[in-house]
Amino acid sequence: MNAPAWRIWLVTALVCGWGILTIRFVQKQQWPMAILCVLLMVANGVTLWRLTRNGK
C-alpha cells in the first residue's frame, strides 16, 4: 500500500490525540470514555502500522 504522506501524518495525529484524551478521561475517572478512546487509539495505531509496514 502506497499511502500519501498527509494520510500518515493525519493518522499519527489521531493516535496522539486519542492518547491524550485517554489520559484526560482516566484522570477524571470517566472510564467508559477512557475505554472508547483506547479502542479508537488502537484502531488508528493498527491503521498506521498497515500504512507504514512495507516501507516506501
Protein backbone atom coordinates (compact mmCIF):
# COMPACT_ATOMS: atom_id res chain seq x y z
CA MET A 1 0.00 0.00 0.00
CA ASN A 2 1.49 3.33 -1.03
CA ALA A 3 -0.16 5.91 1.22
CA PRO A 4 0.33 9.64 0.72
CA ALA A 5 2.40 11.38 3.39
CA TRP A 6 -0.53 13.53 4.53
CA ARG A 7 -2.54 10.42 5.44
CA ILE A 8 0.29 9.01 7.53
CA TRP A 9 0.61 12.34 9.38
CA LEU A 10 -3.15 12.52 9.88
CA VAL A 11 -3.34 9.03 11.39
CA THR A 12 -0.29 9.77 13.57
CA ALA A 13 -2.00 12.92 14.87
CA LEU A 14 -5.18 10.94 15.56
CA VAL A 15 -3.24 8.32 17.55
CA CYS A 16 -1.62 11.08 19.62
CA GLY A 17 -4.94 12.85 20.11
CA TRP A 18 -6.74 9.72 21.30
CA GLY A 19 -3.84 9.02 23.66
CA ILE A 20 -4.08 12.50 25.17
CA LEU A 21 -7.85 12.18 25.55
CA THR A 22 -7.40 8.77 27.18
CA ILE A 23 -5.08 10.28 29.79
CA ARG A 24 -7.55 13.11 30.45
CA PHE A 25 -10.51 10.76 30.90
CA VAL A 26 -8.51 8.42 33.16
CA GLN A 27 -7.53 11.39 35.34
CA LYS A 28 -11.20 12.37 35.62
CA GLN A 29 -12.14 8.69 36.20
CA GLN A 30 -14.61 8.67 33.31
CA TRP A 31 -13.99 5.03 32.45
CA PRO A 32 -16.44 4.50 29.52
CA MET A 33 -14.94 7.42 27.61
CA ALA A 34 -11.41 6.31 28.51
CA ILE A 35 -12.13 2.81 27.16
CA LEU A 36 -13.64 4.28 23.97
CA CYS A 37 -10.56 6.46 23.43
CA VAL A 38 -8.24 3.49 23.98
CA LEU A 39 -10.16 1.48 21.39
CA LEU A 40 -10.01 4.31 18.87
CA MET A 41 -6.30 4.83 19.57
CA VAL A 42 -5.61 1.12 18.98
CA ALA A 43 -7.69 1.11 15.78
CA ASN A 44 -5.78 4.11 14.43
CA GLY A 45 -2.50 2.54 15.55
CA VAL A 46 -3.30 -0.58 13.53
CA THR A 47 -4.16 1.61 10.54
CA LEU A 48 -0.85 3.44 10.94
CA TRP A 49 1.02 0.13 11.13
CA ARG A 50 -0.69 -1.09 7.96
CA LEU A 51 0.16 2.13 6.14
CA THR A 52 3.84 2.04 7.10
CA ARG A 53 4.77 -1.66 7.39
CA ASN A 54 6.01 -2.08 3.82
CA GLY A 55 8.20 1.00 3.79
CA LYS A 56 8.34 3.46 0.92
